[in-house]
Amino acid sequence: YKRAAGLRPWDGKMWMAVGSCLQKMGRDRDGIKALKRALMAEAYYDE
C-alpha cells in the first residue's frame, strides 16, 4: 500500500488503504495520519 501511495500520493483511496491497514496492526496514531492525508487528497477530487 505504501508503494501505491508513493506513486499516487494525491489519491485518497491509497492513503485510506494505508490507514486501515495500520489500524488493523494496532498502530492507531500512524493510521490517523494516513487517514487525514486521505481527507486532504479526496478534497481535490469531485468524482
All heavy atoms as atom14 arrays in JSON, in Angstrom:
{
  "sequence": "YKRAAGLRPWDGKMWMAVGSCLQKMGRDRDGIKALKRALMAEAYYDE",
  "atom14_mask": [
    [1, 1, 1, 1, 1, 1, 1, 1, 1, 1, 1, 1, 0, 0],
    [1, 1, 1, 1, 1, 1, 1, 1, 1, 0, 0, 0, 0, 0],
    [1, 1, 1, 1, 1, 1, 1, 1, 1, 1, 1, 0, 0, 0],
    [1, 1, 1, 1, 1, 0, 0, 0, 0, 0, 0, 0, 0, 0],
    [1, 1, 1, 1, 1, 0, 0, 0, 0, 0, 0, 0, 0, 0],
    [1, 1, 1, 1, 0, 0, 0, 0, 0, 0, 0, 0, 0, 0],
    [1, 1, 1, 1, 1, 1, 1, 1, 0, 0, 0, 0, 0, 0],
    [1, 1, 1, 1, 1, 1, 1, 1, 1, 1, 1, 0, 0, 0],
    [1, 1, 1, 1, 1, 1, 1, 0, 0, 0, 0, 0, 0, 0],
    [1, 1, 1, 1, 1, 1, 1, 1, 1, 1, 1, 1, 1, 1],
    [1, 1, 1, 1, 1, 1, 1, 1, 0, 0, 0, 0, 0, 0],
    [1, 1, 1, 1, 0, 0, 0, 0, 0, 0, 0, 0, 0, 0],
    [1, 1, 1, 1, 1, 1, 1, 1, 1, 0, 0, 0, 0, 0],
    [1, 1, 1, 1, 1, 1, 1, 1, 0, 0, 0, 0, 0, 0],
    [1, 1, 1, 1, 1, 1, 1, 1, 1, 1, 1, 1, 1, 1],
    [1, 1, 1, 1, 1, 1, 1, 1, 0, 0, 0, 0, 0, 0],
    [1, 1, 1, 1, 1, 0, 0, 0, 0, 0, 0, 0, 0, 0],
    [1, 1, 1, 1, 1, 1, 1, 0, 0, 0, 0, 0, 0, 0],
    [1, 1, 1, 1, 0, 0, 0, 0, 0, 0, 0, 0, 0, 0],
    [1, 1, 1, 1, 1, 1, 0, 0, 0, 0, 0, 0, 0, 0],
    [1, 1, 1, 1, 1, 1, 0, 0, 0, 0, 0, 0, 0, 0],
    [1, 1, 1, 1, 1, 1, 1, 1, 0, 0, 0, 0, 0, 0],
    [1, 1, 1, 1, 1, 1, 1, 1, 1, 0, 0, 0, 0, 0],
    [1, 1, 1, 1, 1, 1, 1, 1, 1, 0, 0, 0, 0, 0],
    [1, 1, 1, 1, 1, 1, 1, 1, 0, 0, 0, 0, 0, 0],
    [1, 1, 1, 1, 0, 0, 0, 0, 0, 0, 0, 0, 0, 0],
    [1, 1, 1, 1, 1, 1, 1, 1, 1, 1, 1, 0, 0, 0],
    [1, 1, 1, 1, 1, 1, 1, 1, 0, 0, 0, 0, 0, 0],
    [1, 1, 1, 1, 1, 1, 1, 1, 1, 1, 1, 0, 0, 0],
    [1, 1, 1, 1, 1, 1, 1, 1, 0, 0, 0, 0, 0, 0],
    [1, 1, 1, 1, 0, 0, 0, 0, 0, 0, 0, 0, 0, 0],
    [1, 1, 1, 1, 1, 1, 1, 1, 0, 0, 0, 0, 0, 0],
    [1, 1, 1, 1, 1, 1, 1, 1, 1, 0, 0, 0, 0, 0],
    [1, 1, 1, 1, 1, 0, 0, 0, 0, 0, 0, 0, 0, 0],
    [1, 1, 1, 1, 1, 1, 1, 1, 0, 0, 0, 0, 0, 0],
    [1, 1, 1, 1, 1, 1, 1, 1, 1, 0, 0, 0, 0, 0],
    [1, 1, 1, 1, 1, 1, 1, 1, 1, 1, 1, 0, 0, 0],
    [1, 1, 1, 1, 1, 0, 0, 0, 0, 0, 0, 0, 0, 0],
    [1, 1, 1, 1, 1, 1, 1, 1, 0, 0, 0, 0, 0, 0],
    [1, 1, 1, 1, 1, 1, 1, 1, 0, 0, 0, 0, 0, 0],
    [1, 1, 1, 1, 1, 0, 0, 0, 0, 0, 0, 0, 0, 0],
    [1, 1, 1, 1, 1, 1, 1, 1, 1, 0, 0, 0, 0, 0],
    [1, 1, 1, 1, 1, 0, 0, 0, 0, 0, 0, 0, 0, 0],
    [1, 1, 1, 1, 1, 1, 1, 1, 1, 1, 1, 1, 0, 0],
    [1, 1, 1, 1, 1, 1, 1, 1, 1, 1, 1, 1, 0, 0],
    [1, 1, 1, 1, 1, 1, 1, 1, 0, 0, 0, 0, 0, 0],
    [1, 1, 1, 1, 1, 1, 1, 1, 1, 0, 0, 0, 0, 0]
  ],
  "atom14_positions": [
    [[0.83, -1.21, 0.0], [0.0, 0.0, 0.0], [0.87, 1.26, 0.0], [0.54, 2.27, -0.65], [-0.92, 0.01, 1.22], [-2.15, -0.84, 1.09], [-2.69, -1.49, 2.2], [-2.81, -0.99, -0.13], [-3.84, -2.27, 2.1], [-3.95, -1.76, -0.25], [-4.46, -2.4, 0.87], [-5.59, -3.17, 0.75], [0.0, 0.0, 0.0], [0.0, 0.0, 0.0]],
    [[1.96, 1.22, 0.74], [2.86, 2.38, 0.75], [3.46, 2.63, -0.62], [3.64, 3.78, -1.04], [3.96, 2.18, 1.79], [3.52, 2.39, 3.23], [4.73, 2.3, 4.16], [4.34, 2.6, 5.6], [5.51, 2.56, 6.5], [0.0, 0.0, 0.0], [0.0, 0.0, 0.0], [0.0, 0.0, 0.0], [0.0, 0.0, 0.0], [0.0, 0.0, 0.0]],
    [[3.79, 1.55, -1.32], [4.32, 1.73, -2.67], [3.27, 2.38, -3.58], [3.6, 3.26, -4.39], [4.74, 0.38, -3.26], [5.9, -0.29, -2.54], [7.15, 0.56, -2.63], [7.58, 0.73, -3.99], [8.49, -0.03, -4.61], [9.07, -1.02, -3.95], [8.84, 0.2, -5.85], [0.0, 0.0, 0.0], [0.0, 0.0, 0.0], [0.0, 0.0, 0.0]],
    [[2.04, 1.94, -3.47], [0.97, 2.53, -4.28], [0.77, 4.0, -3.94], [0.6, 4.84, -4.83], [-0.33, 1.75, -4.08], [0.0, 0.0, 0.0], [0.0, 0.0, 0.0], [0.0, 0.0, 0.0], [0.0, 0.0, 0.0], [0.0, 0.0, 0.0], [0.0, 0.0, 0.0], [0.0, 0.0, 0.0], [0.0, 0.0, 0.0], [0.0, 0.0, 0.0]],
    [[0.79, 4.32, -2.64], [0.62, 5.72, -2.22], [1.79, 6.58, -2.68], [1.61, 7.76, -2.99], [0.47, 5.79, -0.7], [0.0, 0.0, 0.0], [0.0, 0.0, 0.0], [0.0, 0.0, 0.0], [0.0, 0.0, 0.0], [0.0, 0.0, 0.0], [0.0, 0.0, 0.0], [0.0, 0.0, 0.0], [0.0, 0.0, 0.0], [0.0, 0.0, 0.0]],
    [[2.98, 6.0, -2.73], [4.13, 6.76, -3.21], [4.02, 7.12, -4.67], [4.48, 8.18, -5.11], [0.0, 0.0, 0.0], [0.0, 0.0, 0.0], [0.0, 0.0, 0.0], [0.0, 0.0, 0.0], [0.0, 0.0, 0.0], [0.0, 0.0, 0.0], [0.0, 0.0, 0.0], [0.0, 0.0, 0.0], [0.0, 0.0, 0.0], [0.0, 0.0, 0.0]],
    [[3.4, 6.23, -5.47], [3.22, 6.51, -6.89], [2.03, 7.42, -7.15], [1.98, 8.1, -8.17], [3.03, 5.19, -7.65], [4.28, 4.31, -7.75], [3.91, 2.92, -8.23], [5.29, 4.94, -8.69], [0.0, 0.0, 0.0], [0.0, 0.0, 0.0], [0.0, 0.0, 0.0], [0.0, 0.0, 0.0], [0.0, 0.0, 0.0], [0.0, 0.0, 0.0]],
    [[1.06, 7.42, -6.26], [-0.15, 8.23, -6.44], [-0.48, 8.93, -5.14], [-1.47, 8.64, -4.47], [-1.3, 7.33, -6.87], [-2.51, 8.09, -7.34], [-3.13, 7.4, -8.51], [-4.43, 7.96, -8.82], [-4.66, 8.76, -9.84], [-3.66, 9.1, -10.62], [-5.86, 9.21, -10.09], [0.0, 0.0, 0.0], [0.0, 0.0, 0.0], [0.0, 0.0, 0.0]],
    [[0.35, 9.89, -4.73], [0.2, 10.48, -3.4], [-1.04, 11.34, -3.24], [-1.39, 11.68, -2.11], [1.48, 11.31, -3.24], [1.9, 11.63, -4.63], [1.5, 10.46, -5.46], [0.0, 0.0, 0.0], [0.0, 0.0, 0.0], [0.0, 0.0, 0.0], [0.0, 0.0, 0.0], [0.0, 0.0, 0.0], [0.0, 0.0, 0.0], [0.0, 0.0, 0.0]],
    [[-1.7, 11.72, -4.33], [-2.89, 12.56, -4.19], [-4.17, 11.79, -4.48], [-5.18, 12.37, -4.82], [-2.78, 13.79, -5.11], [-1.8, 14.75, -4.56], [-0.55, 15.0, -5.02], [-1.95, 15.56, -3.39], [0.08, 15.91, -4.23], [-0.76, 16.29, -3.21], [-2.98, 15.74, -2.48], [-0.57, 17.16, -2.17], [-2.78, 16.63, -1.44], [-1.6, 17.34, -1.29]],
    [[-4.12, 10.49, -4.3], [-5.32, 9.66, -4.39], [-5.68, 9.2, -2.98], [-4.97, 8.41, -2.37], [-5.07, 8.45, -5.3], [-6.35, 7.71, -5.64], [-7.34, 7.86, -4.89], [-6.37, 7.0, -6.65], [0.0, 0.0, 0.0], [0.0, 0.0, 0.0], [0.0, 0.0, 0.0], [0.0, 0.0, 0.0], [0.0, 0.0, 0.0], [0.0, 0.0, 0.0]],
    [[-6.78, 9.73, -2.46], [-7.16, 9.41, -1.09], [-7.41, 7.94, -0.86], [-7.25, 7.43, 0.26], [0.0, 0.0, 0.0], [0.0, 0.0, 0.0], [0.0, 0.0, 0.0], [0.0, 0.0, 0.0], [0.0, 0.0, 0.0], [0.0, 0.0, 0.0], [0.0, 0.0, 0.0], [0.0, 0.0, 0.0], [0.0, 0.0, 0.0], [0.0, 0.0, 0.0]],
    [[-7.77, 7.22, -1.92], [-8.02, 5.79, -1.78], [-6.77, 5.04, -1.33], [-6.84, 4.1, -0.54], [-8.51, 5.24, -3.12], [-8.9, 3.78, -3.1], [-9.46, 3.41, -4.46], [-9.9, 1.97, -4.48], [-10.47, 1.61, -5.79], [0.0, 0.0, 0.0], [0.0, 0.0, 0.0], [0.0, 0.0, 0.0], [0.0, 0.0, 0.0], [0.0, 0.0, 0.0]],
    [[-5.6, 5.49, -1.84], [-4.36, 4.84, -1.45], [-4.08, 5.05, 0.04], [-3.71, 4.13, 0.77], [-3.19, 5.39, -2.27], [-3.37, 5.32, -3.78], [-3.47, 3.64, -4.41], [-5.16, 3.61, -4.99], [0.0, 0.0, 0.0], [0.0, 0.0, 0.0], [0.0, 0.0, 0.0], [0.0, 0.0, 0.0], [0.0, 0.0, 0.0], [0.0, 0.0, 0.0]],
    [[-4.26, 6.3, 0.48], [-3.97, 6.62, 1.89], [-4.99, 5.99, 2.83], [-4.66, 5.61, 3.95], [-3.94, 8.14, 2.07], [-2.81, 8.78, 1.35], [-2.87, 9.5, 0.2], [-1.43, 8.76, 1.74], [-1.63, 9.92, -0.16], [-0.72, 9.49, 0.76], [-0.74, 8.2, 2.8], [0.64, 9.66, 0.82], [0.63, 8.37, 2.87], [1.31, 9.09, 1.89]],
    [[-6.23, 5.86, 2.35], [-7.24, 5.22, 3.18], [-6.88, 3.75, 3.4], [-7.07, 3.2, 4.5], [-8.61, 5.34, 2.52], [-9.75, 4.91, 3.43], [-11.35, 5.46, 2.82], [-11.45, 4.57, 1.29], [0.0, 0.0, 0.0], [0.0, 0.0, 0.0], [0.0, 0.0, 0.0], [0.0, 0.0, 0.0], [0.0, 0.0, 0.0], [0.0, 0.0, 0.0]],
    [[-6.35, 3.1, 2.35], [-5.93, 1.7, 2.49], [-4.77, 1.59, 3.48], [-4.73, 0.67, 4.31], [-5.53, 1.15, 1.13], [0.0, 0.0, 0.0], [0.0, 0.0, 0.0], [0.0, 0.0, 0.0], [0.0, 0.0, 0.0], [0.0, 0.0, 0.0], [0.0, 0.0, 0.0], [0.0, 0.0, 0.0], [0.0, 0.0, 0.0], [0.0, 0.0, 0.0]],
    [[-3.82, 2.54, 3.39], [-2.7, 2.53, 4.34], [-3.2, 2.71, 5.76], [-2.79, 1.99, 6.69], [-1.69, 3.64, 3.96], [-0.62, 3.78, 5.04], [-1.03, 3.34, 2.63], [0.0, 0.0, 0.0], [0.0, 0.0, 0.0], [0.0, 0.0, 0.0], [0.0, 0.0, 0.0], [0.0, 0.0, 0.0], [0.0, 0.0, 0.0], [0.0, 0.0, 0.0]],
    [[-4.11, 3.68, 5.97], [-4.61, 3.93, 7.31], [-5.38, 2.75, 7.88], [-5.21, 2.41, 9.06], [0.0, 0.0, 0.0], [0.0, 0.0, 0.0], [0.0, 0.0, 0.0], [0.0, 0.0, 0.0], [0.0, 0.0, 0.0], [0.0, 0.0, 0.0], [0.0, 0.0, 0.0], [0.0, 0.0, 0.0], [0.0, 0.0, 0.0], [0.0, 0.0, 0.0]],
    [[-6.21, 2.12, 7.06], [-6.97, 0.96, 7.54], [-6.05, -0.19, 7.91], [-6.29, -0.89, 8.9], [-7.96, 0.52, 6.46], [-8.87, 1.54, 6.16], [0.0, 0.0, 0.0], [0.0, 0.0, 0.0], [0.0, 0.0, 0.0], [0.0, 0.0, 0.0], [0.0, 0.0, 0.0], [0.0, 0.0, 0.0], [0.0, 0.0, 0.0], [0.0, 0.0, 0.0]],
    [[-5.01, -0.37, 7.11], [-4.06, -1.45, 7.4], [-3.31, -1.17, 8.71], [-3.1, -2.08, 9.52], [-3.08, -1.59, 6.23], [-2.05, -3.06, 6.31], [0.0, 0.0, 0.0], [0.0, 0.0, 0.0], [0.0, 0.0, 0.0], [0.0, 0.0, 0.0], [0.0, 0.0, 0.0], [0.0, 0.0, 0.0], [0.0, 0.0, 0.0], [0.0, 0.0, 0.0]],
    [[-2.91, 0.08, 8.91], [-2.22, 0.43, 10.15], [-3.12, 0.24, 11.36], [-2.68, -0.18, 12.43], [-1.73, 1.88, 10.07], [-0.53, 2.13, 9.16], [-0.34, 3.63, 8.92], [0.74, 1.55, 9.77], [0.0, 0.0, 0.0], [0.0, 0.0, 0.0], [0.0, 0.0, 0.0], [0.0, 0.0, 0.0], [0.0, 0.0, 0.0], [0.0, 0.0, 0.0]],
    [[-4.4, 0.54, 11.18], [-5.35, 0.35, 12.28], [-5.45, -1.13, 12.66], [-5.46, -1.48, 13.84], [-6.73, 0.87, 11.88], [-7.77, 0.75, 12.99], [-9.15, 1.16, 12.53], [-9.43, 1.14, 11.33], [-10.01, 1.54, 13.47], [0.0, 0.0, 0.0], [0.0, 0.0, 0.0], [0.0, 0.0, 0.0], [0.0, 0.0, 0.0], [0.0, 0.0, 0.0]],
    [[-5.49, -2.0, 11.66], [-5.57, -3.44, 11.94], [-4.3, -3.95, 12.59], [-4.33, -4.98, 13.27], [-5.84, -4.19, 10.64], [-7.22, -3.91, 10.06], [-7.42, -4.58, 8.73], [-8.78, -4.25, 8.15], [-8.98, -4.84, 6.8], [0.0, 0.0, 0.0], [0.0, 0.0, 0.0], [0.0, 0.0, 0.0], [0.0, 0.0, 0.0], [0.0, 0.0, 0.0]],
    [[-3.19, -3.25, 12.4], [-1.94, -3.64, 13.02], [-1.78, -3.04, 14.42], [-0.76, -3.23, 15.07], [-0.76, -3.21, 12.14], [-0.73, -3.9, 10.77], [0.56, -3.24, 9.69], [2.03, -3.76, 10.58], [0.0, 0.0, 0.0], [0.0, 0.0, 0.0], [0.0, 0.0, 0.0], [0.0, 0.0, 0.0], [0.0, 0.0, 0.0], [0.0, 0.0, 0.0]],
    [[-2.79, -2.26, 14.85], [-2.73, -1.65, 16.17], [-1.93, -0.37, 16.22], [-1.63, 0.13, 17.31], [0.0, 0.0, 0.0], [0.0, 0.0, 0.0], [0.0, 0.0, 0.0], [0.0, 0.0, 0.0], [0.0, 0.0, 0.0], [0.0, 0.0, 0.0], [0.0, 0.0, 0.0], [0.0, 0.0, 0.0], [0.0, 0.0, 0.0], [0.0, 0.0, 0.0]],
    [[-1.59, 0.19, 15.07], [-0.8, 1.42, 15.02], [-1.77, 2.58, 14.73], [-1.78, 3.17, 13.64], [0.28, 1.31, 13.96], [1.29, 0.22, 14.24], [2.21, -0.05, 13.06], [2.89, 1.15, 12.62], [3.72, 1.18, 11.56], [3.93, 0.07, 10.86], [4.31, 2.3, 11.21], [0.0, 0.0, 0.0], [0.0, 0.0, 0.0], [0.0, 0.0, 0.0]],
    [[-2.58, 2.91, 15.73], [-3.65, 3.87, 15.53], [-3.13, 5.28, 15.22], [-3.71, 5.98, 14.39], [-4.56, 3.92, 16.76], [-5.41, 2.66, 16.88], [-5.69, 2.04, 15.84], [-5.77, 2.28, 18.01], [0.0, 0.0, 0.0], [0.0, 0.0, 0.0], [0.0, 0.0, 0.0], [0.0, 0.0, 0.0], [0.0, 0.0, 0.0], [0.0, 0.0, 0.0]],
    [[-2.07, 5.69, 15.88], [-1.58, 7.06, 15.67], [-1.1, 7.24, 14.22], [-1.4, 8.24, 13.57], [-0.46, 7.38, 16.66], [-0.94, 7.43, 18.11], [0.14, 7.97, 19.04], [-0.31, 7.93, 20.41], [-1.09, 8.87, 20.98], [-1.49, 9.9, 20.24], [-1.46, 8.76, 22.24], [0.0, 0.0, 0.0], [0.0, 0.0, 0.0], [0.0, 0.0, 0.0]],
    [[-0.32, 6.27, 13.72], [0.12, 6.35, 12.32], [-1.06, 6.22, 11.38], [-1.1, 6.87, 10.32], [1.14, 5.25, 12.03], [2.47, 5.5, 12.72], [2.78, 6.67, 12.97], [3.18, 4.51, 13.0], [0.0, 0.0, 0.0], [0.0, 0.0, 0.0], [0.0, 0.0, 0.0], [0.0, 0.0, 0.0], [0.0, 0.0, 0.0], [0.0, 0.0, 0.0]],
    [[-2.03, 5.4, 11.75], [-3.22, 5.26, 10.91], [-4.0, 6.55, 10.8], [-4.52, 6.88, 9.73], [0.0, 0.0, 0.0], [0.0, 0.0, 0.0], [0.0, 0.0, 0.0], [0.0, 0.0, 0.0], [0.0, 0.0, 0.0], [0.0, 0.0, 0.0], [0.0, 0.0, 0.0], [0.0, 0.0, 0.0], [0.0, 0.0, 0.0], [0.0, 0.0, 0.0]],
    [[-4.09, 7.29, 11.89], [-4.8, 8.58, 11.86], [-4.11, 9.55, 10.9], [-4.76, 10.26, 10.13], [-4.87, 9.17, 13.29], [-5.86, 8.36, 14.14], [-5.28, 10.63, 13.25], [-5.87, 8.73, 15.6], [0.0, 0.0, 0.0], [0.0, 0.0, 0.0], [0.0, 0.0, 0.0], [0.0, 0.0, 0.0], [0.0, 0.0, 0.0], [0.0, 0.0, 0.0]],
    [[-2.78, 9.56, 10.91], [-2.05, 10.44, 9.99], [-2.37, 10.1, 8.54], [-2.59, 10.99, 7.71], [-0.55, 10.31, 10.24], [-0.09, 10.77, 11.61], [1.39, 10.49, 11.78], [1.86, 10.79, 13.21], [3.29, 10.45, 13.39], [0.0, 0.0, 0.0], [0.0, 0.0, 0.0], [0.0, 0.0, 0.0], [0.0, 0.0, 0.0], [0.0, 0.0, 0.0]],
    [[-2.39, 8.8, 8.24], [-2.67, 8.4, 6.86], [-4.1, 8.75, 6.46], [-4.34, 9.22, 5.34], [-2.43, 6.9, 6.71], [0.0, 0.0, 0.0], [0.0, 0.0, 0.0], [0.0, 0.0, 0.0], [0.0, 0.0, 0.0], [0.0, 0.0, 0.0], [0.0, 0.0, 0.0], [0.0, 0.0, 0.0], [0.0, 0.0, 0.0], [0.0, 0.0, 0.0]],
    [[-5.04, 8.56, 7.35], [-6.43, 8.86, 7.02], [-6.67, 10.36, 6.88], [-7.49, 10.8, 6.06], [-7.36, 8.29, 8.09], [-7.44, 6.75, 8.12], [-8.3, 6.28, 9.28], [-8.0, 6.22, 6.81], [0.0, 0.0, 0.0], [0.0, 0.0, 0.0], [0.0, 0.0, 0.0], [0.0, 0.0, 0.0], [0.0, 0.0, 0.0], [0.0, 0.0, 0.0]],
    [[-5.97, 11.17, 7.65], [-6.08, 12.62, 7.47], [-5.51, 13.03, 6.11], [-6.03, 13.93, 5.46], [-5.35, 13.34, 8.6], [-6.09, 13.29, 9.93], [-5.35, 14.06, 11.01], [-6.12, 14.06, 12.33], [-5.41, 14.79, 13.4], [0.0, 0.0, 0.0], [0.0, 0.0, 0.0], [0.0, 0.0, 0.0], [0.0, 0.0, 0.0], [0.0, 0.0, 0.0]],
    [[-4.44, 12.34, 5.71], [-3.9, 12.6, 4.37], [-4.92, 12.21, 3.3], [-5.05, 12.87, 2.27], [-2.61, 11.82, 4.19], [-1.95, 12.04, 2.83], [-1.53, 13.5, 2.66], [-0.99, 13.72, 1.34], [0.3, 13.62, 1.04], [1.18, 13.3, 1.98], [0.73, 13.85, -0.18], [0.0, 0.0, 0.0], [0.0, 0.0, 0.0], [0.0, 0.0, 0.0]],
    [[-5.67, 11.13, 3.56], [-6.72, 10.73, 2.62], [-7.8, 11.81, 2.52], [-8.31, 12.09, 1.43], [-7.33, 9.4, 3.06], [0.0, 0.0, 0.0], [0.0, 0.0, 0.0], [0.0, 0.0, 0.0], [0.0, 0.0, 0.0], [0.0, 0.0, 0.0], [0.0, 0.0, 0.0], [0.0, 0.0, 0.0], [0.0, 0.0, 0.0], [0.0, 0.0, 0.0]],
    [[-8.15, 12.42, 3.64], [-9.13, 13.51, 3.62], [-8.65, 14.67, 2.76], [-9.4, 15.24, 1.97], [-9.42, 13.99, 5.04], [-10.32, 13.13, 5.93], [-10.42, 13.75, 7.3], [-11.69, 12.98, 5.3], [0.0, 0.0, 0.0], [0.0, 0.0, 0.0], [0.0, 0.0, 0.0], [0.0, 0.0, 0.0], [0.0, 0.0, 0.0], [0.0, 0.0, 0.0]],
    [[-7.39, 15.03, 2.93], [-6.84, 16.13, 2.15], [-6.84, 15.79, 0.66], [-7.17, 16.62, -0.19], [-5.41, 16.43, 2.6], [-5.29, 16.96, 4.02], [-3.58, 17.29, 4.46], [-3.21, 18.62, 3.34], [0.0, 0.0, 0.0], [0.0, 0.0, 0.0], [0.0, 0.0, 0.0], [0.0, 0.0, 0.0], [0.0, 0.0, 0.0], [0.0, 0.0, 0.0]],
    [[-6.48, 14.56, 0.34], [-6.41, 14.16, -1.06], [-7.79, 14.15, -1.69], [-7.99, 14.65, -2.8], [-5.76, 12.78, -1.17], [0.0, 0.0, 0.0], [0.0, 0.0, 0.0], [0.0, 0.0, 0.0], [0.0, 0.0, 0.0], [0.0, 0.0, 0.0], [0.0, 0.0, 0.0], [0.0, 0.0, 0.0], [0.0, 0.0, 0.0], [0.0, 0.0, 0.0]],
    [[-8.78, 13.58, -0.99], [-10.11, 13.49, -1.56], [-10.75, 14.86, -1.75], [-11.67, 15.01, -2.54], [-11.02, 12.62, -0.66], [-10.65, 11.16, -0.64], [-10.86, 10.48, -1.98], [-11.4, 11.12, -2.9], [-10.47, 9.32, -2.12], [0.0, 0.0, 0.0], [0.0, 0.0, 0.0], [0.0, 0.0, 0.0], [0.0, 0.0, 0.0], [0.0, 0.0, 0.0]],
    [[-10.28, 15.86, -1.02], [-10.84, 17.2, -1.18], [-10.57, 17.77, -2.56], [-11.26, 18.67, -3.02], [-10.26, 18.14, -0.12], [0.0, 0.0, 0.0], [0.0, 0.0, 0.0], [0.0, 0.0, 0.0], [0.0, 0.0, 0.0], [0.0, 0.0, 0.0], [0.0, 0.0, 0.0], [0.0, 0.0, 0.0], [0.0, 0.0, 0.0], [0.0, 0.0, 0.0]],
    [[-9.54, 17.25, -3.25], [-9.19, 17.77, -4.56], [-9.87, 17.02, -5.69], [-9.65, 17.31, -6.85], [-7.67, 17.71, -4.76], [-6.92, 18.53, -3.75], [-6.04, 17.94, -2.86], [-7.11, 19.91, -3.69], [-5.35, 18.7, -1.94], [-6.43, 20.67, -2.76], [-5.55, 20.06, -1.9], [-4.86, 20.8, -0.97], [0.0, 0.0, 0.0], [0.0, 0.0, 0.0]],
    [[-10.68, 16.03, -5.37], [-11.34, 15.26, -6.41], [-12.85, 15.38, -6.25], [-13.37, 15.33, -5.14], [-10.95, 13.77, -6.33], [-9.53, 13.51, -6.73], [-8.65, 12.86, -5.85], [-9.06, 13.9, -7.97], [-7.34, 12.61, -6.21], [-7.75, 13.65, -8.34], [-6.9, 13.01, -7.47], [-5.6, 12.77, -7.83], [0.0, 0.0, 0.0], [0.0, 0.0, 0.0]],
    [[-13.55, 15.48, -7.36], [-15.0, 15.56, -7.32], [-15.65, 14.22, -7.62], [-16.78, 13.96, -7.23], [-15.52, 16.58, -8.34], [-15.09, 17.99, -7.96], [-14.95, 18.24, -6.75], [-14.9, 18.79, -8.86], [0.0, 0.0, 0.0], [0.0, 0.0, 0.0], [0.0, 0.0, 0.0], [0.0, 0.0, 0.0], [0.0, 0.0, 0.0], [0.0, 0.0, 0.0]],
    [[-14.92, 13.37, -8.38], [-15.5, 12.11, -8.8], [-14.83, 10.95, -8.07], [-13.78, 11.1, -7.47], [-15.32, 11.91, -10.32], [-15.99, 12.98, -11.15], [-17.49, 12.92, -11.03], [-18.03, 11.82, -10.78], [-18.13, 13.96, -11.16], [0.0, 0.0, 0.0], [0.0, 0.0, 0.0], [0.0, 0.0, 0.0], [0.0, 0.0, 0.0], [0.0, 0.0, 0.0]]
  ]
}
